[in-house]
Amino acid sequence: MPQPLTTPVPAGAQDETARPSRPFAERVVSLDAFRGATMALMVLVNTPGDGGHVYAPLEHSEWNGWTPTDVVFPSFMWIVGVAIAIVVARRLAAGVPRAHIFGQAFRRAAILYVFGLIVYAYPTFDLSTQRLLGVLQRIAICYLIATAIYLTTNLRGQIIWIVSLLAGYWLLMTLVPVPGYGAGRLDLEGNFAHYVDRIVLGAHNYANTKTWDPEGIISTIPAIATVLFGIMAGHILRRERPLTQRIIRLLAVGVLLLAAGQISNIWLPINKKLWTSSFSMFMAGLDFVIFAAMLWLVDVRGYKRWAKPFVIMGMNAITVYLISELLDQVFDVIRFSSGGHVVTLHWWLNSLFTTVASPINASLLFAIAYTLLMYLVAYAMYRRGWFLRV
């Protein structure tokens, strides 16, 4: 996985946009905890016992609007940005050439992209319908582009990039006509992003949608801005000011972005599947606020014991994601006879919970048990000092 996602993140360096930063002196435990909590929630919502029985907050919004589940992926992207600002700045301060840093980022992004291909190819490995984009692929692409922007611009340039990406995507979605539908359509079938996915990706779209990808080509543009918002948080975190002042700055920026997202929602609805500009701003605002709260609780107030399980989960985040996705598919591939019917191992395991709970609660119990299993995997790796490095 990319180094910024797993490297222990220290704090306390000055803003490198003014002059080179010095190495950080201590680890920001709250960032590790935020990453781990995000990954735990990602596993929880991705692996219900029965997809037909799920509590509404644990499902994605059908179209416009958002649920707690919609917060997961943009939060992970935002955390990638924070880590870029910290780790890359530290390497620049150590005298590592920018070209070398970008070369390593390219290699990491390529490996992460291949991991993403494997997740969707398994277990059939049908190249004719191989999904080309997806969760890990989007992380890889946005990580690489955001790193390039960080290496070639200062703080002002990065802000210009954010505004340009969000405004440019907004204009594409509202002004470019789609054949048969016209311009400005933001519904499922008539929007520009899905039109491009249909034309360019064809049979290589997400299997559940067939004709478009929720991590599609055009909607990756504002996702890059989400990572850059994380870089902005990293700039604030690295400033040589009292931690409480940095927390207040993070909180203030978060509130402003939440307001901007809500105001933009009037004209361009908050929509995770399209990753609209309003969605990017609103979710980044939530991340600023959540991280400010965690920073205060963990690194200021010292509530580190409760955060330890999330820290452990976060230190092998991509590994946990890969194992959780692949194992869940194994559960669906393994079939055997039960009660005269052929059932999957996934169905059988969920049925164990249906003996003690209603279908919707049984489905939730399965998801919780599966998440705890992934924590045990992360804990075992942590105890043995095993950390996936790419």
Protein backbone atom coordinates (compact mmCIF):
# COMPACT_ATOMS: atom_id res chain seq x y z
CA MET A 1 0.00 0.00 0.00
CA PRO A 2 1.15 3.60 -0.40
CA GLN A 3 3.55 4.59 2.36
CA PRO A 4 1.50 7.59 3.52
CA LEU A 5 -1.29 5.22 4.59
CA THR A 6 0.82 3.11 6.93
CA THR A 7 3.77 5.17 8.06
CA PRO A 8 3.44 6.36 11.68
CA VAL A 9 2.45 10.02 11.42
CA PRO A 10 4.30 12.40 13.73
CA ALA A 11 3.50 16.06 14.22
CA GLY A 12 5.15 19.36 14.99
CA ALA A 13 6.87 20.65 11.87
CA GLN A 14 6.52 24.12 10.37
CA ASP A 15 4.59 24.83 7.16
CA GLU A 16 6.83 23.82 4.27
CA THR A 17 5.19 26.35 1.98
CA ALA A 18 7.23 29.00 3.76
CA ARG A 19 10.48 27.07 4.28
CA PRO A 20 11.61 23.43 4.54
CA SER A 21 10.06 21.50 7.40
CA ARG A 22 11.99 19.57 9.99
CA PRO A 23 11.22 15.97 10.98
CA PHE A 24 8.27 15.49 13.31
CA ALA A 25 8.96 14.63 16.89
CA GLU A 26 5.91 12.63 17.88
CA ARG A 27 3.17 10.53 16.45
CA VAL A 28 -0.36 11.84 15.94
CA VAL A 29 -2.26 8.88 17.33
CA SER A 30 -5.60 10.40 16.36
CA LEU A 31 -4.79 10.19 12.65
CA ASP A 32 -4.01 6.48 12.96
CA ALA A 33 -7.24 6.06 14.93
CA PHE A 34 -9.26 7.97 12.34
CA ARG A 35 -7.86 5.75 9.57
CA GLY A 36 -8.62 2.59 11.53
CA ALA A 37 -12.14 3.68 12.48
CA THR A 38 -12.82 4.50 8.84
CA MET A 39 -11.57 1.09 7.74
CA ALA A 40 -13.63 -0.69 10.42
CA LEU A 41 -16.78 1.09 9.25
CA MET A 42 -15.90 0.28 5.63
CA VAL A 43 -15.73 -3.45 6.47
CA LEU A 44 -18.96 -3.23 8.48
CA VAL A 45 -21.01 -1.68 5.68
CA ASN A 46 -19.46 -3.78 2.91
CA THR A 47 -20.21 -7.18 4.46
CA PRO A 48 -23.77 -7.47 5.79
CA GLY A 49 -25.06 -10.95 6.44
CA ASP A 50 -28.01 -10.37 4.14
CA GLY A 51 -27.90 -7.46 1.68
CA GLY A 52 -31.68 -7.43 1.59
CA HIS A 53 -31.93 -6.67 5.31
CA VAL A 54 -29.74 -3.69 6.25
CA TYR A 55 -30.42 -0.68 8.45
CA ALA A 56 -30.73 2.50 6.37
CA PRO A 57 -27.67 4.28 7.88
CA LEU A 58 -25.52 1.31 6.80
CA GLU A 59 -26.53 1.64 3.15
CA HIS A 60 -25.43 4.20 0.59
CA SER A 61 -27.89 6.88 -0.38
CA GLU A 62 -29.87 5.70 -3.41
CA TRP A 63 -29.02 8.88 -5.30
CA ASN A 64 -28.99 12.45 -3.94
CA GLY A 65 -28.30 13.04 -0.25
CA TRP A 66 -26.02 11.09 2.05
CA THR A 67 -25.90 8.53 4.83
CA PRO A 68 -23.14 7.69 7.36
CA THR A 69 -22.02 4.99 4.92
CA ASP A 70 -21.33 7.64 2.29
CA VAL A 71 -18.82 9.26 4.65
CA VAL A 72 -16.48 6.25 4.65
CA PHE A 73 -14.74 6.39 1.26
CA PRO A 74 -14.20 10.17 1.08
CA SER A 75 -12.82 10.06 4.63
CA PHE A 76 -10.23 7.50 3.59
CA MET A 77 -9.31 9.65 0.59
CA TRP A 78 -9.02 12.71 2.83
CA ILE A 79 -6.74 10.82 5.24
CA VAL A 80 -4.50 9.92 2.28
CA GLY A 81 -4.11 13.67 1.67
CA VAL A 82 -3.20 14.41 5.28
CA ALA A 83 -0.55 11.69 5.15
CA ILE A 84 0.88 13.06 1.88
CA ALA A 85 1.36 16.50 3.44
CA ILE A 86 3.14 15.02 6.44
CA VAL A 87 5.24 12.22 4.97
CA VAL A 88 6.28 13.88 1.72
CA ALA A 89 7.21 17.09 3.56
CA ARG A 90 9.33 15.07 5.95
CA ARG A 91 11.16 13.42 3.05
CA LEU A 92 11.70 16.75 1.32
CA ALA A 93 13.17 18.11 4.55
CA ALA A 94 15.53 15.13 4.63
CA GLY A 95 16.84 16.13 1.20
CA VAL A 96 15.18 13.42 -0.90
CA PRO A 97 14.85 14.65 -4.52
CA ARG A 98 11.31 15.38 -5.69
CA ALA A 99 11.75 13.15 -8.75
CA HIS A 100 12.68 10.23 -6.51
CA ILE A 101 9.65 10.82 -4.28
CA PHE A 102 7.35 10.92 -7.29
CA GLY A 103 8.94 7.78 -8.73
CA GLN A 104 8.22 5.90 -5.53
CA ALA A 105 4.67 7.27 -5.48
CA PHE A 106 4.17 6.06 -9.06
CA ARG A 107 5.34 2.56 -8.13
CA ARG A 108 3.09 2.44 -5.08
CA ALA A 109 0.10 3.71 -7.05
CA ALA A 110 0.69 1.09 -9.78
CA ILE A 111 0.83 -1.76 -7.25
CA LEU A 112 -2.27 -0.49 -5.47
CA TYR A 113 -4.08 -0.26 -8.80
CA VAL A 114 -3.19 -3.89 -9.54
CA PHE A 115 -4.48 -4.90 -6.11
CA GLY A 116 -7.75 -3.24 -7.07
CA LEU A 117 -7.92 -5.20 -10.31
CA ILE A 118 -7.39 -8.46 -8.41
CA VAL A 119 -10.21 -7.69 -5.96
CA TYR A 120 -12.73 -7.40 -8.80
CA ALA A 121 -11.24 -10.15 -10.98
CA TYR A 122 -11.40 -12.79 -8.22
CA PRO A 123 -12.61 -15.54 -8.36
CA THR A 124 -13.52 -15.87 -12.07
CA PHE A 125 -10.73 -13.71 -13.59
CA ASP A 126 -12.89 -12.97 -16.64
CA LEU A 127 -10.87 -10.35 -18.50
CA SER A 128 -13.74 -9.58 -20.86
CA THR A 129 -15.68 -7.99 -18.00
CA GLN A 130 -12.74 -7.03 -15.75
CA ARG A 131 -13.64 -3.90 -13.81
CA LEU A 132 -10.96 -1.30 -14.56
CA LEU A 133 -11.89 1.22 -11.89
CA GLY A 134 -12.94 0.79 -8.27
CA VAL A 135 -12.08 1.69 -4.69
CA LEU A 136 -8.37 0.86 -4.68
CA GLN A 137 -7.97 2.11 -8.24
CA ARG A 138 -9.43 5.48 -7.31
CA ILE A 139 -7.19 5.72 -4.25
CA ALA A 140 -4.17 4.92 -6.45
CA ILE A 141 -5.02 7.46 -9.14
CA CYS A 142 -5.90 10.27 -6.74
CA TYR A 143 -2.89 9.54 -4.51
CA LEU A 144 -0.51 9.80 -7.46
CA ILE A 145 -2.02 12.97 -8.92
CA ALA A 146 -2.30 14.68 -5.52
CA THR A 147 1.34 13.80 -4.77
CA ALA A 148 2.40 15.34 -8.09
CA ILE A 149 0.43 18.50 -7.30
CA TYR A 150 1.94 18.69 -3.82
CA LEU A 151 5.47 18.30 -5.19
CA THR A 152 5.05 20.99 -7.84
CA THR A 153 3.00 23.68 -6.09
CA ASN A 154 2.86 25.64 -2.87
CA LEU A 155 -0.17 26.13 -0.63
CA ARG A 156 -1.68 28.79 -2.87
CA GLY A 157 -1.23 26.60 -5.94
CA GLN A 158 -2.91 23.68 -4.22
CA ILE A 159 -5.91 25.83 -3.31
CA ILE A 160 -6.14 26.93 -6.96
CA TRP A 161 -6.08 23.27 -7.98
CA ILE A 162 -8.96 22.47 -5.60
CA VAL A 163 -11.08 25.33 -6.91
CA SER A 164 -10.27 24.45 -10.53
CA LEU A 165 -11.08 20.76 -10.12
CA LEU A 166 -14.40 21.38 -8.37
CA ALA A 167 -15.45 24.22 -10.67
CA GLY A 168 -14.33 22.34 -13.79
CA TYR A 169 -16.28 19.23 -12.81
CA TRP A 170 -19.33 21.37 -12.02
CA LEU A 171 -19.17 22.95 -15.49
CA LEU A 172 -18.74 19.57 -17.20
CA MET A 173 -21.76 18.14 -15.41
CA THR A 174 -24.03 21.10 -16.11
CA LEU A 175 -22.95 22.43 -19.52
CA VAL A 176 -21.77 19.48 -21.66
CA PRO A 177 -24.72 17.94 -23.53
CA VAL A 178 -25.30 14.19 -23.42
CA PRO A 179 -26.66 12.69 -26.67
CA GLY A 180 -30.34 11.93 -26.26
CA TYR A 181 -30.61 13.81 -22.97
CA GLY A 182 -29.14 17.29 -23.35
CA ALA A 183 -27.03 19.27 -20.89
CA GLY A 184 -27.39 19.66 -17.15
CA ARG A 185 -29.04 16.30 -16.43
CA LEU A 186 -28.04 14.95 -13.02
CA ASP A 187 -30.29 11.89 -12.93
CA LEU A 188 -29.04 8.31 -13.13
CA GLU A 189 -29.20 7.85 -16.89
CA GLY A 190 -28.73 11.31 -18.35
CA ASN A 191 -25.66 12.70 -16.58
CA PHE A 192 -22.37 13.34 -18.37
CA ALA A 193 -20.20 11.22 -16.02
CA HIS A 194 -22.20 8.05 -16.64
CA TYR A 195 -22.31 8.76 -20.37
CA VAL A 196 -18.50 8.77 -20.47
CA ASP A 197 -18.36 5.52 -18.47
CA ARG A 198 -20.77 3.86 -20.91
CA ILE A 199 -18.74 4.93 -23.93
CA VAL A 200 -15.20 4.45 -22.61
CA LEU A 201 -15.47 1.57 -20.12
CA GLY A 202 -18.26 -0.43 -21.77
CA ALA A 203 -18.28 -3.97 -20.37
CA HIS A 204 -15.57 -3.02 -17.88
CA ASN A 205 -17.92 -1.03 -15.66
CA TYR A 206 -19.00 -2.04 -12.15
CA ALA A 207 -20.77 -5.41 -12.36
CA ASN A 208 -23.75 -4.27 -10.28
CA THR A 209 -24.51 -1.29 -12.54
CA LYS A 210 -23.32 -2.64 -15.92
CA THR A 211 -23.27 0.74 -17.72
CA TRP A 212 -21.53 3.10 -15.28
CA ASP A 213 -19.06 3.02 -12.43
CA PRO A 214 -19.49 4.73 -9.02
CA GLU A 215 -15.70 5.25 -9.16
CA GLY A 216 -15.87 6.31 -12.80
CA ILE A 217 -13.64 8.38 -15.04
CA ILE A 218 -15.10 11.89 -14.81
CA SER A 219 -16.13 11.64 -11.15
CA THR A 220 -12.49 11.01 -10.28
CA ILE A 221 -11.85 14.73 -10.90
CA PRO A 222 -13.55 15.97 -7.69
CA ALA A 223 -12.17 12.93 -5.82
CA ILE A 224 -8.69 14.35 -6.44
CA ALA A 225 -9.91 17.54 -4.74
CA THR A 226 -10.96 15.43 -1.74
CA VAL A 227 -7.36 14.27 -1.32
CA LEU A 228 -6.14 17.86 -1.73
CA PHE A 229 -8.52 18.93 1.05
CA GLY A 230 -6.70 16.39 3.22
CA ILE A 231 -3.41 18.01 2.23
CA MET A 232 -4.82 21.33 3.44
CA ALA A 233 -5.49 19.71 6.81
CA GLY A 234 -1.94 18.40 6.79
CA HIS A 235 -0.62 21.94 6.32
CA ILE A 236 -2.58 23.07 9.36
CA LEU A 237 -1.46 20.08 11.42
CA ARG A 238 2.19 20.75 10.67
CA ARG A 239 2.20 24.40 11.72
CA GLU A 240 4.42 25.30 14.68
CA ARG A 241 1.60 26.53 16.86
CA PRO A 242 -0.03 25.15 20.00
CA LEU A 243 -2.08 22.07 19.22
CA THR A 244 -5.26 23.70 20.51
CA GLN A 245 -4.85 26.53 17.97
CA ARG A 246 -4.42 24.02 15.16
CA ILE A 247 -7.53 22.18 16.31
CA ILE A 248 -9.52 25.41 16.23
CA ARG A 249 -8.22 26.12 12.71
CA LEU A 250 -9.23 22.63 11.57
CA LEU A 251 -12.65 23.06 13.10
CA ALA A 252 -13.15 26.48 11.49
CA VAL A 253 -12.19 25.21 8.04
CA GLY A 254 -14.49 22.23 8.52
CA VAL A 255 -17.48 24.41 9.38
CA LEU A 256 -16.84 26.62 6.35
CA LEU A 257 -16.65 23.61 4.04
CA LEU A 258 -19.82 22.12 5.51
CA ALA A 259 -21.61 25.40 4.83
CA ALA A 260 -20.17 25.60 1.31
CA GLY A 261 -21.30 22.06 0.59
CA GLN A 262 -24.81 22.72 1.84
CA ILE A 263 -25.10 25.96 -0.14
CA SER A 264 -23.77 24.29 -3.29
CA ASN A 265 -26.28 21.49 -2.74
CA ILE A 266 -28.99 23.94 -3.88
CA TRP A 267 -27.64 23.87 -7.44
CA LEU A 268 -25.54 20.69 -7.54
CA PRO A 269 -26.95 18.05 -5.17
CA ILE A 270 -24.74 16.20 -2.72
CA ASN A 271 -24.33 12.84 -4.45
CA LYS A 272 -21.75 10.18 -3.62
CA LYS A 273 -22.22 8.13 -6.81
CA LEU A 274 -21.40 11.22 -8.88
CA TRP A 275 -18.96 12.55 -6.25
CA THR A 276 -20.36 16.00 -6.96
CA SER A 277 -18.43 19.13 -6.03
CA SER A 278 -20.91 19.77 -3.22
CA PHE A 279 -20.31 16.21 -1.97
CA SER A 280 -16.53 16.75 -2.02
CA MET A 281 -16.78 19.97 0.00
CA PHE A 282 -19.35 18.69 2.47
CA MET A 283 -17.53 15.42 3.20
CA ALA A 284 -14.20 17.21 3.54
CA GLY A 285 -15.89 19.53 6.03
CA LEU A 286 -17.08 16.54 8.04
CA ASP A 287 -13.57 15.10 7.99
CA PHE A 288 -12.04 18.35 9.26
CA VAL A 289 -14.56 18.44 12.12
CA ILE A 290 -14.28 14.74 13.00
CA PHE A 291 -10.50 14.82 12.95
CA ALA A 292 -10.41 18.00 15.05
CA ALA A 293 -12.60 16.26 17.65
CA MET A 294 -10.42 13.12 17.62
CA LEU A 295 -7.25 15.20 17.84
CA TRP A 296 -8.61 16.94 20.92
CA LEU A 297 -9.84 13.74 22.59
CA VAL A 298 -6.81 11.56 21.84
CA ASP A 299 -3.79 13.86 21.56
CA VAL A 300 -4.90 16.64 23.92
CA ARG A 301 -7.09 14.89 26.48
CA GLY A 302 -5.07 11.68 26.29
CA TYR A 303 -7.86 9.17 25.69
CA LYS A 304 -5.51 6.84 23.84
CA ARG A 305 -6.52 3.48 25.30
CA TRP A 306 -9.95 3.45 23.63
CA ALA A 307 -8.32 4.47 20.36
CA LYS A 308 -5.77 1.61 20.37
CA PRO A 309 -7.96 -0.95 18.52
CA PHE A 310 -8.57 1.60 15.74
CA VAL A 311 -4.87 2.43 15.61
CA ILE A 312 -4.07 -1.26 15.14
CA MET A 313 -6.72 -1.55 12.43
CA GLY A 314 -5.36 1.52 10.67
CA MET A 315 -1.74 0.38 10.58
CA ASN A 316 -2.63 -2.35 8.05
CA ALA A 317 -5.63 -0.66 6.48
CA ILE A 318 -5.17 -1.79 2.88
CA THR A 319 -4.28 -5.32 3.97
CA VAL A 320 -7.47 -5.50 6.03
CA TYR A 321 -9.49 -4.20 3.09
CA LEU A 322 -8.01 -6.75 0.68
CA ILE A 323 -8.54 -9.68 3.06
CA SER A 324 -12.09 -8.59 3.90
CA GLU A 325 -13.09 -8.30 0.24
CA LEU A 326 -11.47 -11.53 -0.91
CA LEU A 327 -12.62 -13.61 2.07
CA ASP A 328 -16.19 -12.40 1.64
CA GLN A 329 -16.07 -13.61 -1.95
CA VAL A 330 -14.73 -16.97 -0.77
CA PHE A 331 -17.77 -17.21 1.52
CA ASP A 332 -19.99 -16.74 -1.53
CA VAL A 333 -18.08 -19.22 -3.71
CA ILE A 334 -18.08 -22.12 -1.23
CA ARG A 335 -21.34 -24.03 -1.63
CA PHE A 336 -22.71 -27.15 0.03
CA SER A 337 -25.99 -28.93 0.68
CA SER A 338 -28.00 -27.93 3.73
CA GLY A 339 -31.55 -29.08 4.39
CA GLY A 340 -31.90 -30.31 0.84
CA HIS A 341 -30.80 -26.99 -0.66
CA VAL A 342 -27.49 -25.82 -2.05
CA VAL A 343 -26.41 -22.79 -0.05
CA THR A 344 -23.34 -20.59 0.16
CA LEU A 345 -21.11 -20.50 3.23
CA HIS A 346 -22.05 -16.83 3.60
CA TRP A 347 -25.77 -17.68 3.75
CA TRP A 348 -25.14 -20.50 6.22
CA LEU A 349 -23.08 -18.33 8.56
CA ASN A 350 -25.73 -15.61 8.48
CA SER A 351 -28.41 -18.22 9.23
CA LEU A 352 -26.65 -18.95 12.52
CA PHE A 353 -27.50 -15.41 13.62
CA THR A 354 -31.09 -15.67 12.38
CA THR A 355 -31.71 -18.31 15.05
CA VAL A 356 -31.27 -15.65 17.75
CA ALA A 357 -32.27 -12.40 16.03
CA SER A 358 -34.60 -10.90 13.45
CA PRO A 359 -33.34 -10.89 9.82
CA ILE A 360 -32.14 -7.29 9.94
CA ASN A 361 -30.42 -7.72 13.32
CA ALA A 362 -28.94 -11.04 12.23
CA SER A 363 -27.48 -9.31 9.19
CA LEU A 364 -25.99 -6.63 11.44
CA LEU A 365 -24.58 -9.23 13.85
CA PHE A 366 -22.89 -10.99 10.94
CA ALA A 367 -21.33 -7.68 9.82
CA ILE A 368 -20.12 -6.93 13.35
CA ALA A 369 -18.66 -10.44 13.74
CA TYR A 370 -16.92 -10.12 10.37
CA THR A 371 -15.46 -6.74 11.34
CA LEU A 372 -14.19 -8.21 14.61
CA LEU A 373 -12.59 -11.03 12.62
CA MET A 374 -10.76 -8.44 10.50
CA TYR A 375 -9.63 -6.72 13.69
CA LEU A 376 -8.18 -10.03 14.92
CA VAL A 377 -6.28 -10.31 11.63
CA ALA A 378 -4.93 -6.78 12.08
CA TYR A 379 -4.08 -7.46 15.72
CA ALA A 380 -2.19 -10.65 14.86
CA MET A 381 -0.17 -8.76 12.25
CA TYR A 382 0.47 -5.93 14.70
CA ARG A 383 1.71 -8.32 17.39
CA ARG A 384 4.12 -9.90 14.95
CA GLY A 385 5.28 -6.61 13.49
CA TRP A 386 3.92 -7.44 10.04
CA PHE A 387 3.03 -4.33 8.04
CA LEU A 388 2.38 -4.39 4.29
CA ARG A 389 4.74 -1.99 2.55
CA VAL A 390 4.57 -1.19 -1.14
